[in-house]
Amino acid sequence: MLAAVGLGLRDLYNAPLDSDRKPTRAEWHLQDALSAIAFEARVILIAANDLATGVILSLEDVRRVAQAAGRIAAAHRRLYGST
């Protein structure tokens, strides 16, 4: 009947029926991993930009970049297992 007037079930509701559903544990892990990867990628990008403009990284900066790479690898392992 809805199709006859150009509507669908989606048009009857403001939000999907499961919009109040809490994310599953797997979805939280994925969100956490992606957030961590995005943050650590920004750290690496800043260091890469510094290097590209001739800035010499301090030992502390080099260690932070290594830590960022390790955290990205750890997030990958959490998502895909050890590879």
C-alpha atoms as a PDB file:
ATOM      1  CA  MET A   1       0.000   0.000   0.000  1.00  0.00           C
ATOM      2  CA  LEU A   2       2.780   2.442   0.849  1.00  0.00           C
ATOM      3  CA  ALA A   3       4.421   1.896  -2.516  1.00  0.00           C
ATOM      4  CA  ALA A   4       1.197   2.881  -4.245  1.00  0.00           C
ATOM      5  CA  VAL A   5       1.600   6.399  -2.868  1.00  0.00           C
ATOM      6  CA  GLY A   6       5.363   6.514  -3.335  1.00  0.00           C
ATOM      7  CA  LEU A   7       6.304   5.785   0.290  1.00  0.00           C
ATOM      8  CA  GLY A   8       8.225   3.087   2.102  1.00  0.00           C
ATOM      9  CA  LEU A   9       8.467   1.938   5.710  1.00  0.00           C
ATOM     10  CA  ARG A  10      11.405   4.315   6.163  1.00  0.00           C
ATOM     11  CA  ASP A  11       9.054   7.244   5.566  1.00  0.00           C
ATOM     12  CA  LEU A  12       6.893   6.301   8.547  1.00  0.00           C
ATOM     13  CA  TYR A  13       9.589   6.582  11.224  1.00  0.00           C
ATOM     14  CA  ASN A  14      12.010   9.329  12.301  1.00  0.00           C
ATOM     15  CA  ALA A  15      14.820   6.854  13.047  1.00  0.00           C
ATOM     16  CA  PRO A  16      15.545   3.228  12.233  1.00  0.00           C
ATOM     17  CA  LEU A  17      13.757   0.810  14.544  1.00  0.00           C
ATOM     18  CA  ASP A  18      17.064  -0.283  16.092  1.00  0.00           C
ATOM     19  CA  SER A  19      18.411   3.257  16.578  1.00  0.00           C
ATOM     20  CA  ASP A  20      18.402   2.870  20.365  1.00  0.00           C
ATOM     21  CA  ARG A  21      20.453  -0.330  20.090  1.00  0.00           C
ATOM     22  CA  LYS A  22      23.825  -0.187  21.810  1.00  0.00           C
ATOM     23  CA  PRO A  23      26.846  -1.117  19.698  1.00  0.00           C
ATOM     24  CA  THR A  24      28.064  -4.668  20.099  1.00  0.00           C
ATOM     25  CA  ARG A  25      31.409  -5.415  21.695  1.00  0.00           C
ATOM     26  CA  ALA A  26      32.901  -6.098  18.247  1.00  0.00           C
ATOM     27  CA  GLU A  27      31.651  -2.727  16.976  1.00  0.00           C
ATOM     28  CA  TRP A  28      33.257  -0.977  19.973  1.00  0.00           C
ATOM     29  CA  HIS A  29      36.552  -2.733  19.303  1.00  0.00           C
ATOM     30  CA  LEU A  30      36.431  -1.627  15.680  1.00  0.00           C
ATOM     31  CA  GLN A  31      35.615   1.963  16.637  1.00  0.00           C
ATOM     32  CA  ASP A  32      38.399   2.026  19.239  1.00  0.00           C
ATOM     33  CA  ALA A  33      40.931   0.576  16.814  1.00  0.00           C
ATOM     34  CA  LEU A  34      40.021   3.003  14.045  1.00  0.00           C
ATOM     35  CA  SER A  35      40.149   5.967  16.419  1.00  0.00           C
ATOM     36  CA  ALA A  36      43.586   4.901  17.644  1.00  0.00           C
ATOM     37  CA  ILE A  37      44.839   4.408  14.095  1.00  0.00           C
ATOM     38  CA  ALA A  38      43.554   7.834  13.042  1.00  0.00           C
ATOM     39  CA  PHE A  39      45.183   9.570  16.012  1.00  0.00           C
ATOM     40  CA  GLU A  40      48.525   7.814  15.611  1.00  0.00           C
ATOM     41  CA  ALA A  41      48.485   8.455  11.862  1.00  0.00           C
ATOM     42  CA  ARG A  42      48.238  12.179  12.630  1.00  0.00           C
ATOM     43  CA  VAL A  43      51.323  11.908  14.859  1.00  0.00           C
ATOM     44  CA  ILE A  44      53.223  10.256  12.006  1.00  0.00           C
ATOM     45  CA  LEU A  45      51.930  12.831   9.514  1.00  0.00           C
ATOM     46  CA  ILE A  46      53.174  15.706  11.677  1.00  0.00           C
ATOM     47  CA  ALA A  47      56.615  14.092  11.911  1.00  0.00           C
ATOM     48  CA  ALA A  48      56.665  13.439   8.157  1.00  0.00           C
ATOM     49  CA  ASN A  49      55.744  17.054   7.474  1.00  0.00           C
ATOM     50  CA  ASP A  50      58.530  18.227   9.786  1.00  0.00           C
ATOM     51  CA  LEU A  51      61.033  15.998   8.014  1.00  0.00           C
ATOM     52  CA  ALA A  52      59.832  17.188   4.596  1.00  0.00           C
ATOM     53  CA  THR A  53      60.442  20.794   5.615  1.00  0.00           C
ATOM     54  CA  GLY A  54      63.921  20.095   6.930  1.00  0.00           C
ATOM     55  CA  VAL A  55      63.161  19.877  10.636  1.00  0.00           C
ATOM     56  CA  ILE A  56      65.395  17.423  12.474  1.00  0.00           C
ATOM     57  CA  LEU A  57      63.317  15.335  14.852  1.00  0.00           C
ATOM     58  CA  SER A  58      64.386  15.171  18.462  1.00  0.00           C
ATOM     59  CA  LEU A  59      65.027  11.794  20.055  1.00  0.00           C
ATOM     60  CA  GLU A  60      61.730  12.232  21.921  1.00  0.00           C
ATOM     61  CA  ASP A  61      59.920  12.828  18.601  1.00  0.00           C
ATOM     62  CA  VAL A  62      61.534   9.762  17.012  1.00  0.00           C
ATOM     63  CA  ARG A  63      60.456   7.665  19.982  1.00  0.00           C
ATOM     64  CA  ARG A  64      56.906   9.029  19.710  1.00  0.00           C
ATOM     65  CA  VAL A  65      56.770   8.149  15.999  1.00  0.00           C
ATOM     66  CA  ALA A  66      57.990   4.633  16.826  1.00  0.00           C
ATOM     67  CA  GLN A  67      55.311   4.395  19.521  1.00  0.00           C
ATOM     68  CA  ALA A  68      52.677   5.526  17.007  1.00  0.00           C
ATOM     69  CA  ALA A  69      53.788   2.859  14.549  1.00  0.00           C
ATOM     70  CA  GLY A  70      53.624   0.250  17.315  1.00  0.00           C
ATOM     71  CA  ARG A  71      50.129   1.320  18.293  1.00  0.00           C
ATOM     72  CA  ILE A  72      48.947   1.119  14.683  1.00  0.00           C
ATOM     73  CA  ALA A  73      50.431  -2.384  14.438  1.00  0.00           C
ATOM     74  CA  ALA A  74      48.715  -3.358  17.706  1.00  0.00           C
ATOM     75  CA  ALA A  75      45.366  -2.096  16.416  1.00  0.00           C
ATOM     76  CA  HIS A  76      45.892  -4.118  13.241  1.00  0.00           C
ATOM     77  CA  ARG A  77      46.628  -7.235  15.295  1.00  0.00           C
ATOM     78  CA  ARG A  78      43.467  -6.703  17.336  1.00  0.00           C
ATOM     79  CA  LEU A  79      41.390  -6.434  14.197  1.00  0.00           C
ATOM     80  CA  TYR A  80      42.996  -9.170  12.109  1.00  0.00           C
ATOM     81  CA  GLY A  81      44.986 -11.316  14.519  1.00  0.00           C
ATOM     82  CA  SER A  82      48.748 -11.609  14.446  1.00  0.00           C
ATOM     83  CA  THR A  83      50.038 -11.571  10.899  1.00  0.00           C
END
